């Protein structure tokens, strides 16, 4: 006799902007430069259990533009979501938390980053689409390789 309690549950409780900062340490002088700045973008994903069956999954982005060695602007943003995840087989939890949840949160992060950069007076920087499946698989492979190297 199957019980309904074993039915997998995956629900978005809330998506929110957890952290956002913008720095223009060399303004206004650097704004007079004609040279095109270099852009460096770093992304990350983190998942934290909140209570039983509830997880916070956050996607972070750091966007730094420089002209030579001087920062034009630096944006650091963390977009998070609270997800209810219950009765999902343990072997699938990594994919849910590392792929499905970030795919939901990331579009909000992209919009907020582009918006704050535009509001700062710069052309928007649009973060590229991310294949979280490939990113997750790379992280898993790197973890496995590190474990193999440690075991030897």
C-alpha atoms as a PDB file:
ATOM      1  CA  UNK A   1       0.000   0.000   0.000  1.00  0.00           C
ATOM      2  CA  UNK A   2       1.654   3.234  -1.170  1.00  0.00           C
ATOM      3  CA  UNK A   3       1.381   6.312   0.984  1.00  0.00           C
ATOM      4  CA  UNK A   4       1.150   9.830  -0.336  1.00  0.00           C
ATOM      5  CA  UNK A   5       3.903  10.827   2.107  1.00  0.00           C
ATOM      6  CA  UNK A   6       6.501   9.323  -0.276  1.00  0.00           C
ATOM      7  CA  UNK A   7       5.486  11.546  -3.203  1.00  0.00           C
ATOM      8  CA  UNK A   8       8.423  13.727  -4.278  1.00  0.00           C
ATOM      9  CA  UNK A   9       7.918  17.420  -3.551  1.00  0.00           C
ATOM     10  CA  UNK A  10       9.728  20.276  -5.301  1.00  0.00           C
ATOM     11  CA  UNK A  11       8.310  23.742  -4.686  1.00  0.00           C
ATOM     12  CA  UNK A  12       9.680  27.260  -4.874  1.00  0.00           C
ATOM     13  CA  UNK A  13       8.902  29.064  -1.629  1.00  0.00           C
ATOM     14  CA  UNK A  14      10.549  32.380  -2.535  1.00  0.00           C
ATOM     15  CA  UNK A  15      13.171  33.939  -4.822  1.00  0.00           C
ATOM     16  CA  UNK A  16      14.946  37.014  -3.489  1.00  0.00           C
ATOM     17  CA  UNK A  17      17.961  39.261  -3.924  1.00  0.00           C
ATOM     18  CA  UNK A  18      20.135  38.415  -0.915  1.00  0.00           C
ATOM     19  CA  UNK A  19      23.108  40.693  -1.523  1.00  0.00           C
ATOM     20  CA  UNK A  20      24.052  43.379  -4.034  1.00  0.00           C
ATOM     21  CA  UNK A  21      26.939  45.801  -4.054  1.00  0.00           C
ATOM     22  CA  UNK A  22      28.313  48.227  -6.613  1.00  0.00           C
ATOM     23  CA  UNK A  23      31.633  50.004  -6.345  1.00  0.00           C
ATOM     24  CA  UNK A  24      33.125  52.650  -8.627  1.00  0.00           C
ATOM     25  CA  UNK A  25      36.347  53.369  -6.731  1.00  0.00           C
ATOM     26  CA  UNK A  26      38.050  55.368  -9.499  1.00  0.00           C
ATOM     27  CA  UNK A  27      35.127  57.531 -10.594  1.00  0.00           C
ATOM     28  CA  UNK A  28      34.914  60.147 -11.954  1.00  0.00           C
ATOM     29  CA  UNK A  29      38.404  60.224 -13.503  1.00  0.00           C
ATOM     30  CA  UNK A  30      38.252  56.731 -14.990  1.00  0.00           C
ATOM     31  CA  UNK A  31      34.980  57.629 -16.733  1.00  0.00           C
ATOM     32  CA  UNK A  32      36.971  59.994 -18.958  1.00  0.00           C
ATOM     33  CA  UNK A  33      39.098  57.140 -20.331  1.00  0.00           C
ATOM     34  CA  UNK A  34      38.464  56.214 -23.958  1.00  0.00           C
ATOM     35  CA  UNK A  35      39.956  52.744 -23.705  1.00  0.00           C
ATOM     36  CA  UNK A  36      37.619  49.737 -23.665  1.00  0.00           C
ATOM     37  CA  UNK A  37      37.605  48.057 -20.257  1.00  0.00           C
ATOM     38  CA  UNK A  38      38.254  44.369 -19.738  1.00  0.00           C
ATOM     39  CA  UNK A  39      35.407  42.434 -18.136  1.00  0.00           C
ATOM     40  CA  UNK A  40      35.870  39.546 -15.714  1.00  0.00           C
ATOM     41  CA  UNK A  41      32.825  37.545 -14.606  1.00  0.00           C
ATOM     42  CA  UNK A  42      32.878  34.891 -11.889  1.00  0.00           C
ATOM     43  CA  UNK A  43      29.867  32.744 -11.012  1.00  0.00           C
ATOM     44  CA  UNK A  44      29.189  30.391  -8.148  1.00  0.00           C
ATOM     45  CA  UNK A  45      26.419  28.232  -6.703  1.00  0.00           C
ATOM     46  CA  UNK A  46      25.893  27.344  -3.069  1.00  0.00           C
ATOM     47  CA  UNK A  47      23.183  25.322  -1.347  1.00  0.00           C
ATOM     48  CA  UNK A  48      22.410  25.414   2.351  1.00  0.00           C
ATOM     49  CA  UNK A  49      19.892  23.287   4.238  1.00  0.00           C
ATOM     50  CA  UNK A  50      17.593  25.574   6.260  1.00  0.00           C
ATOM     51  CA  UNK A  51      15.376  23.047   8.039  1.00  0.00           C
ATOM     52  CA  UNK A  52      14.311  19.509   7.168  1.00  0.00           C
ATOM     53  CA  UNK A  53      13.245  19.503   3.492  1.00  0.00           C
ATOM     54  CA  UNK A  54      13.916  23.240   2.975  1.00  0.00           C
ATOM     55  CA  UNK A  55      17.020  24.509   1.166  1.00  0.00           C
ATOM     56  CA  UNK A  56      18.380  27.912   0.275  1.00  0.00           C
ATOM     57  CA  UNK A  57      20.135  27.852  -3.090  1.00  0.00           C
ATOM     58  CA  UNK A  58      22.103  30.955  -4.081  1.00  0.00           C
ATOM     59  CA  UNK A  59      23.817  31.917  -7.314  1.00  0.00           C
ATOM     60  CA  UNK A  60      26.529  34.541  -6.997  1.00  0.00           C
ATOM     61  CA  UNK A  61      28.063  36.745  -9.671  1.00  0.00           C
ATOM     62  CA  UNK A  62      31.055  39.034  -9.492  1.00  0.00           C
ATOM     63  CA  UNK A  63      31.472  41.375 -12.453  1.00  0.00           C
ATOM     64  CA  UNK A  64      34.626  43.487 -12.522  1.00  0.00           C
ATOM     65  CA  UNK A  65      35.624  45.837 -15.300  1.00  0.00           C
ATOM     66  CA  UNK A  66      39.083  47.346 -15.463  1.00  0.00           C
ATOM     67  CA  UNK A  67      41.081  49.693 -17.623  1.00  0.00           C
ATOM     68  CA  UNK A  68      44.674  48.548 -17.229  1.00  0.00           C
ATOM     69  CA  UNK A  69      44.925  47.881 -13.487  1.00  0.00           C
ATOM     70  CA  UNK A  70      42.219  50.330 -12.366  1.00  0.00           C
ATOM     71  CA  UNK A  71      38.701  49.168 -11.566  1.00  0.00           C
ATOM     72  CA  UNK A  72      35.949  50.902 -13.520  1.00  0.00           C
ATOM     73  CA  UNK A  73      33.209  49.141 -11.560  1.00  0.00           C
ATOM     74  CA  UNK A  74      32.729  46.052  -9.448  1.00  0.00           C
ATOM     75  CA  UNK A  75      29.349  44.407  -8.924  1.00  0.00           C
ATOM     76  CA  UNK A  76      28.831  41.556  -6.502  1.00  0.00           C
ATOM     77  CA  UNK A  77      25.378  40.003  -6.406  1.00  0.00           C
ATOM     78  CA  UNK A  78      23.787  37.009  -4.728  1.00  0.00           C
ATOM     79  CA  UNK A  79      20.344  35.875  -5.827  1.00  0.00           C
ATOM     80  CA  UNK A  80      18.776  33.168  -3.694  1.00  0.00           C
ATOM     81  CA  UNK A  81      15.748  30.977  -3.556  1.00  0.00           C
ATOM     82  CA  UNK A  82      14.110  28.934  -0.855  1.00  0.00           C
ATOM     83  CA  UNK A  83      13.025  25.530  -2.109  1.00  0.00           C
ATOM     84  CA  UNK A  84      11.013  22.770  -0.509  1.00  0.00           C
ATOM     85  CA  UNK A  85      12.535  19.464  -1.604  1.00  0.00           C
ATOM     86  CA  UNK A  86      11.198  16.295  -0.023  1.00  0.00           C
ATOM     87  CA  UNK A  87      11.161  12.586  -0.836  1.00  0.00           C
ATOM     88  CA  UNK A  88      13.668  12.962  -3.655  1.00  0.00           C
ATOM     89  CA  UNK A  89      16.061   9.994  -3.894  1.00  0.00           C
ATOM     90  CA  UNK A  90      19.461  10.842  -2.391  1.00  0.00           C
ATOM     91  CA  UNK A  91      21.266  10.158  -5.694  1.00  0.00           C
ATOM     92  CA  UNK A  92      19.086  12.827  -7.384  1.00  0.00           C
ATOM     93  CA  UNK A  93      19.434  15.527  -4.714  1.00  0.00           C
ATOM     94  CA  UNK A  94      22.710  16.845  -6.119  1.00  0.00           C
ATOM     95  CA  UNK A  95      21.112  17.391  -9.529  1.00  0.00           C
ATOM     96  CA  UNK A  96      18.041  19.082  -8.022  1.00  0.00           C
ATOM     97  CA  UNK A  97      20.049  21.414  -5.772  1.00  0.00           C
ATOM     98  CA  UNK A  98      22.974  21.911  -8.174  1.00  0.00           C
ATOM     99  CA  UNK A  99      21.093  22.182 -11.486  1.00  0.00           C
ATOM    100  CA  UNK A 100      17.313  22.649 -11.194  1.00  0.00           C
ATOM    101  CA  UNK A 101      17.346  25.271  -8.431  1.00  0.00           C
ATOM    102  CA  UNK A 102      20.121  27.461  -9.927  1.00  0.00           C
ATOM    103  CA  UNK A 103      18.312  27.406 -13.312  1.00  0.00           C
ATOM    104  CA  UNK A 104      15.284  28.953 -11.595  1.00  0.00           C
ATOM    105  CA  UNK A 105      17.257  31.580  -9.645  1.00  0.00           C
ATOM    106  CA  UNK A 106      19.767  32.619 -12.351  1.00  0.00           C
ATOM    107  CA  UNK A 107      17.438  34.654 -14.629  1.00  0.00           C
ATOM    108  CA  UNK A 108      16.635  36.923 -11.679  1.00  0.00           C
ATOM    109  CA  UNK A 109      20.346  37.379 -11.004  1.00  0.00           C
ATOM    110  CA  UNK A 110      21.001  38.236 -14.664  1.00  0.00           C
ATOM    111  CA  UNK A 111      18.279  40.897 -14.608  1.00  0.00           C
ATOM    112  CA  UNK A 112      19.443  42.449 -11.344  1.00  0.00           C
ATOM    113  CA  UNK A 113      23.086  42.610 -12.454  1.00  0.00           C
ATOM    114  CA  UNK A 114      22.204  44.220 -15.805  1.00  0.00           C
ATOM    115  CA  UNK A 115      19.862  46.664 -14.034  1.00  0.00           C
ATOM    116  CA  UNK A 116      22.348  47.848 -11.396  1.00  0.00           C
ATOM    117  CA  UNK A 117      25.083  48.308 -13.997  1.00  0.00           C
ATOM    118  CA  UNK A 118      22.722  50.354 -16.179  1.00  0.00           C
ATOM    119  CA  UNK A 119      21.600  52.427 -13.202  1.00  0.00           C
ATOM    120  CA  UNK A 120      25.271  53.115 -12.449  1.00  0.00           C
ATOM    121  CA  UNK A 121      25.551  54.805 -15.845  1.00  0.00           C
ATOM    122  CA  UNK A 122      27.202  52.032 -17.849  1.00  0.00           C
ATOM    123  CA  UNK A 123      26.022  49.924 -20.763  1.00  0.00           C
ATOM    124  CA  UNK A 124      24.462  46.766 -19.313  1.00  0.00           C
ATOM    125  CA  UNK A 125      26.553  43.653 -18.927  1.00  0.00           C
ATOM    126  CA  UNK A 126      24.383  40.678 -19.793  1.00  0.00           C
ATOM    127  CA  UNK A 127      25.530  37.506 -18.104  1.00  0.00           C
ATOM    128  CA  UNK A 128      25.601  34.612 -20.558  1.00  0.00           C
ATOM    129  CA  UNK A 129      23.205  31.712 -20.324  1.00  0.00           C
ATOM    130  CA  UNK A 130      24.725  29.014 -18.132  1.00  0.00           C
ATOM    131  CA  UNK A 131      24.494  25.270 -18.585  1.00  0.00           C
ATOM    132  CA  UNK A 132      24.196  24.344 -14.913  1.00  0.00           C
ATOM    133  CA  UNK A 133      24.134  20.653 -15.860  1.00  0.00           C
ATOM    134  CA  UNK A 134      27.624  20.926 -17.404  1.00  0.00           C
ATOM    135  CA  UNK A 135      28.841  23.100 -14.504  1.00  0.00           C
ATOM    136  CA  UNK A 136      27.567  20.520 -11.982  1.00  0.00           C
ATOM    137  CA  UNK A 137      29.186  17.647 -13.877  1.00  0.00           C
ATOM    138  CA  UNK A 138      32.529  19.508 -14.000  1.00  0.00           C
ATOM    139  CA  UNK A 139      32.358  20.101 -10.243  1.00  0.00           C
ATOM    140  CA  UNK A 140      31.551  16.415  -9.634  1.00  0.00           C
ATOM    141  CA  UNK A 141      34.465  15.324 -11.845  1.00  0.00           C
ATOM    142  CA  UNK A 142      36.852  17.729 -10.091  1.00  0.00           C
ATOM    143  CA  UNK A 143      35.707  16.475  -6.681  1.00  0.00           C
ATOM    144  CA  UNK A 144      36.170  12.852  -7.762  1.00  0.00           C
ATOM    145  CA  UNK A 145      39.638  13.626  -9.176  1.00  0.00           C
ATOM    146  CA  UNK A 146      40.668  15.390  -5.974  1.00  0.00           C
ATOM    147  CA  UNK A 147      39.458  12.412  -3.942  1.00  0.00           C
ATOM    148  CA  UNK A 148      41.474  10.024  -6.159  1.00  0.00           C
ATOM    149  CA  UNK A 149      44.598  12.163  -5.816  1.00  0.00           C
ATOM    150  CA  UNK A 150      44.198  12.276  -2.037  1.00  0.00           C
ATOM    151  CA  UNK A 151      43.698   8.504  -1.839  1.00  0.00           C
ATOM    152  CA  UNK A 152      46.979   7.835  -3.655  1.00  0.00           C
END
